[in-house]
């Protein structure tokens, strides 16, 4: 079974690059362009890993990560912070 990775990234070029690299490596990529979309995606179908951009419009990556950590349903998720 392929592992799912949630990529939360607002820069379209960065999102496409990460998505292409991960898909070639055999992962299923779930993209999100905002912190809010990332929270929703993580709660609806928890991924095996989250790659979280720190600098997002609106709800930034740090706030989104704090929200995921505060929720018992998502606090176990592995989150790697990214920034350009």
N, C-alpha and C. Protein backbone atom coordinates (compact mmCIF):
# COMPACT_ATOMS: atom_id res chain seq x y z
N UNK A 1 0.84 -1.18 0.00
CA UNK A 1 0.00 0.00 0.00
C UNK A 1 0.89 1.25 0.00
N UNK A 2 0.58 2.16 -0.90
CA UNK A 2 1.37 3.39 -1.02
C UNK A 2 1.09 4.32 0.17
N UNK A 3 2.14 4.98 0.62
CA UNK A 3 2.02 5.95 1.72
C UNK A 3 1.51 7.28 1.17
N UNK A 4 0.68 7.95 1.99
CA UNK A 4 0.11 9.25 1.62
C UNK A 4 0.87 10.36 2.31
N UNK A 5 1.24 11.37 1.53
CA UNK A 5 1.92 12.54 2.07
C UNK A 5 1.09 13.78 1.75
N UNK A 6 0.76 14.52 2.79
CA UNK A 6 0.07 15.79 2.64
C UNK A 6 1.13 16.88 2.50
N UNK A 7 1.09 17.60 1.39
CA UNK A 7 2.03 18.70 1.15
C UNK A 7 1.25 20.00 1.24
N UNK A 8 1.57 20.82 2.24
CA UNK A 8 0.92 22.11 2.42
C UNK A 8 1.91 23.18 1.96
N UNK A 9 1.63 23.76 0.80
CA UNK A 9 2.56 24.69 0.15
C UNK A 9 1.77 25.67 -0.70
N UNK A 10 1.97 26.97 -0.48
CA UNK A 10 1.22 27.96 -1.25
C UNK A 10 1.88 28.33 -2.58
N UNK A 11 3.17 28.10 -2.71
CA UNK A 11 3.87 28.41 -3.96
C UNK A 11 3.65 27.27 -4.94
N UNK A 12 2.97 27.57 -6.04
CA UNK A 12 2.58 26.54 -6.99
C UNK A 12 3.77 25.80 -7.58
N UNK A 13 4.85 26.52 -7.90
CA UNK A 13 6.04 25.85 -8.47
C UNK A 13 6.66 24.89 -7.46
N UNK A 14 6.77 25.31 -6.21
CA UNK A 14 7.32 24.42 -5.17
C UNK A 14 6.42 23.21 -4.97
N UNK A 15 5.12 23.44 -4.97
CA UNK A 15 4.16 22.34 -4.79
C UNK A 15 4.27 21.34 -5.93
N UNK A 16 4.38 21.82 -7.15
CA UNK A 16 4.51 20.92 -8.31
C UNK A 16 5.81 20.14 -8.25
N UNK A 17 6.91 20.79 -7.87
CA UNK A 17 8.20 20.11 -7.78
C UNK A 17 8.17 19.01 -6.73
N UNK A 18 7.70 19.32 -5.54
CA UNK A 18 7.64 18.33 -4.46
C UNK A 18 6.71 17.19 -4.85
N UNK A 19 5.57 17.53 -5.43
CA UNK A 19 4.60 16.51 -5.85
C UNK A 19 5.23 15.57 -6.87
N UNK A 20 5.87 16.12 -7.88
CA UNK A 20 6.50 15.29 -8.91
C UNK A 20 7.56 14.36 -8.32
N UNK A 21 8.40 14.89 -7.45
CA UNK A 21 9.47 14.08 -6.85
C UNK A 21 8.90 12.95 -5.99
N UNK A 22 7.88 13.26 -5.21
CA UNK A 22 7.29 12.25 -4.33
C UNK A 22 6.52 11.19 -5.12
N UNK A 23 5.80 11.61 -6.15
CA UNK A 23 5.06 10.64 -6.95
C UNK A 23 5.99 9.69 -7.70
N UNK A 24 7.11 10.22 -8.20
CA UNK A 24 8.10 9.36 -8.87
C UNK A 24 8.66 8.34 -7.89
N UNK A 25 8.76 8.73 -6.62
CA UNK A 25 9.27 7.83 -5.57
C UNK A 25 8.20 6.85 -5.08
N UNK A 26 6.97 6.96 -5.61
CA UNK A 26 5.95 5.99 -5.28
C UNK A 26 4.95 6.39 -4.22
N UNK A 27 4.94 7.66 -3.83
CA UNK A 27 4.00 8.13 -2.80
C UNK A 27 2.74 8.70 -3.44
N UNK A 28 1.66 8.70 -2.67
CA UNK A 28 0.45 9.40 -3.05
C UNK A 28 0.52 10.78 -2.40
N UNK A 29 0.35 11.82 -3.19
CA UNK A 29 0.47 13.19 -2.69
C UNK A 29 -0.90 13.84 -2.63
N UNK A 30 -1.20 14.41 -1.47
CA UNK A 30 -2.41 15.19 -1.27
C UNK A 30 -1.96 16.64 -1.10
N UNK A 31 -2.24 17.50 -2.08
CA UNK A 31 -1.80 18.89 -1.98
C UNK A 31 -2.80 19.78 -1.25
N UNK A 32 -2.28 20.77 -0.56
CA UNK A 32 -3.09 21.81 0.07
C UNK A 32 -2.35 23.13 -0.11
N UNK A 33 -3.08 24.19 -0.45
CA UNK A 33 -2.45 25.48 -0.75
C UNK A 33 -2.49 26.46 0.42
N UNK A 34 -3.26 26.15 1.48
CA UNK A 34 -3.35 27.04 2.64
C UNK A 34 -3.28 26.21 3.92
N UNK A 35 -3.02 26.89 5.02
CA UNK A 35 -3.04 26.20 6.31
C UNK A 35 -4.40 25.61 6.63
N UNK A 36 -5.44 26.35 6.28
CA UNK A 36 -6.80 25.87 6.52
C UNK A 36 -7.09 24.61 5.72
N UNK A 37 -6.69 24.59 4.44
CA UNK A 37 -6.88 23.39 3.61
C UNK A 37 -6.09 22.22 4.19
N UNK A 38 -4.88 22.50 4.67
CA UNK A 38 -4.05 21.45 5.25
C UNK A 38 -4.69 20.84 6.49
N UNK A 39 -5.24 21.69 7.36
CA UNK A 39 -5.92 21.19 8.56
C UNK A 39 -7.10 20.31 8.18
N UNK A 40 -7.89 20.78 7.25
CA UNK A 40 -9.06 20.01 6.81
C UNK A 40 -8.64 18.66 6.24
N UNK A 41 -7.63 18.67 5.36
CA UNK A 41 -7.17 17.42 4.74
C UNK A 41 -6.61 16.45 5.78
N UNK A 42 -5.85 16.96 6.74
CA UNK A 42 -5.25 16.10 7.77
C UNK A 42 -6.31 15.48 8.65
N UNK A 43 -7.38 16.20 8.89
CA UNK A 43 -8.44 15.68 9.76
C UNK A 43 -9.39 14.74 9.02
N UNK A 44 -9.61 15.00 7.75
CA UNK A 44 -10.53 14.17 6.96
C UNK A 44 -9.94 12.80 6.64
N UNK A 45 -8.69 12.80 6.21
CA UNK A 45 -8.02 11.54 5.87
C UNK A 45 -6.56 11.66 6.30
N UNK A 46 -6.27 11.32 7.56
CA UNK A 46 -4.92 11.51 8.10
C UNK A 46 -3.85 10.86 7.21
N UNK A 47 -2.84 11.65 6.84
CA UNK A 47 -1.76 11.14 6.00
C UNK A 47 -0.70 10.43 6.83
N UNK A 48 0.22 9.77 6.15
CA UNK A 48 1.36 9.14 6.83
C UNK A 48 2.42 10.16 7.21
N UNK A 49 2.43 11.29 6.48
CA UNK A 49 3.42 12.34 6.71
C UNK A 49 2.84 13.65 6.21
N UNK A 50 3.20 14.76 6.88
CA UNK A 50 2.82 16.09 6.42
C UNK A 50 4.10 16.88 6.18
N UNK A 51 4.22 17.48 5.00
CA UNK A 51 5.27 18.45 4.71
C UNK A 51 4.60 19.81 4.76
N UNK A 52 4.95 20.63 5.76
CA UNK A 52 4.24 21.88 6.05
C UNK A 52 5.14 23.09 5.80
N UNK A 53 4.75 23.90 4.82
CA UNK A 53 5.42 25.18 4.60
C UNK A 53 5.15 26.06 5.81
N UNK A 54 6.16 26.76 6.28
CA UNK A 54 5.97 27.62 7.45
C UNK A 54 5.33 28.95 7.09
N UNK A 55 5.61 29.43 5.90
CA UNK A 55 5.13 30.74 5.47
C UNK A 55 3.94 30.58 4.53
N UNK A 56 2.75 30.61 5.11
CA UNK A 56 1.51 30.47 4.35
C UNK A 56 0.64 31.70 4.59
N UNK A 57 -0.17 32.06 3.60
CA UNK A 57 -1.09 33.18 3.82
C UNK A 57 -2.20 32.76 4.80
N UNK A 58 -2.69 33.71 5.55
CA UNK A 58 -3.74 33.39 6.53
C UNK A 58 -3.14 32.60 7.68
N UNK A 59 -3.62 31.42 7.89
CA UNK A 59 -3.12 30.53 8.94
C UNK A 59 -1.76 30.00 8.51
N UNK A 60 -0.69 30.45 9.18
CA UNK A 60 0.65 30.02 8.76
C UNK A 60 0.94 28.59 9.22
N UNK A 61 2.06 28.04 8.75
CA UNK A 61 2.41 26.66 9.03
C UNK A 61 2.62 26.37 10.51
N UNK A 62 3.17 27.34 11.24
CA UNK A 62 3.38 27.11 12.68
C UNK A 62 2.04 27.03 13.41
N UNK A 63 1.12 27.91 13.07
CA UNK A 63 -0.20 27.88 13.71
C UNK A 63 -0.96 26.61 13.33
N UNK A 64 -0.84 26.20 12.07
CA UNK A 64 -1.51 24.97 11.63
C UNK A 64 -0.93 23.77 12.37
N UNK A 65 0.39 23.75 12.54
CA UNK A 65 1.04 22.65 13.26
C UNK A 65 0.59 22.63 14.72
N UNK A 66 0.52 23.79 15.34
CA UNK A 66 0.04 23.87 16.73
C UNK A 66 -1.39 23.33 16.85
N UNK A 67 -2.21 23.67 15.88
CA UNK A 67 -3.59 23.19 15.89
C UNK A 67 -3.67 21.67 15.76
N UNK A 68 -2.84 21.11 14.88
CA UNK A 68 -2.79 19.65 14.71
C UNK A 68 -2.28 18.98 15.98
N UNK A 69 -1.31 19.57 16.65
CA UNK A 69 -0.75 19.00 17.87
C UNK A 69 -1.74 19.09 19.04
N UNK A 70 -2.61 20.09 19.02
CA UNK A 70 -3.58 20.26 20.11
C UNK A 70 -4.78 19.32 19.97
N UNK A 71 -4.95 18.74 18.80
CA UNK A 71 -6.10 17.87 18.52
C UNK A 71 -5.69 16.41 18.77
N UNK A 72 -6.35 15.72 19.71
CA UNK A 72 -5.99 14.32 19.99
C UNK A 72 -6.06 13.41 18.76
N UNK A 73 -6.91 13.75 17.80
CA UNK A 73 -7.05 12.92 16.60
C UNK A 73 -5.88 13.07 15.63
N UNK A 74 -5.13 14.17 15.74
CA UNK A 74 -4.04 14.41 14.78
C UNK A 74 -2.67 14.62 15.43
N UNK A 75 -2.61 14.63 16.75
CA UNK A 75 -1.33 14.94 17.40
C UNK A 75 -0.24 13.92 17.12
N UNK A 76 -0.60 12.72 16.71
CA UNK A 76 0.37 11.66 16.42
C UNK A 76 1.02 11.79 15.04
N UNK A 77 0.47 12.64 14.18
CA UNK A 77 0.98 12.75 12.82
C UNK A 77 2.40 13.30 12.77
N UNK A 78 3.19 12.78 11.87
CA UNK A 78 4.55 13.27 11.68
C UNK A 78 4.49 14.48 10.76
N UNK A 79 5.08 15.58 11.22
CA UNK A 79 5.07 16.83 10.46
C UNK A 79 6.50 17.31 10.29
N UNK A 80 6.86 17.58 9.05
CA UNK A 80 8.17 18.16 8.74
C UNK A 80 7.95 19.57 8.23
N UNK A 81 8.57 20.54 8.88
CA UNK A 81 8.44 21.94 8.48
C UNK A 81 9.36 22.24 7.30
N UNK A 82 8.81 23.00 6.36
CA UNK A 82 9.58 23.41 5.19
C UNK A 82 9.49 24.92 5.04
N UNK A 83 10.52 25.51 4.49
CA UNK A 83 10.47 26.93 4.13
C UNK A 83 11.51 27.18 3.05
N UNK A 84 11.20 28.12 2.18
CA UNK A 84 12.14 28.43 1.10
C UNK A 84 13.06 29.46 1.56
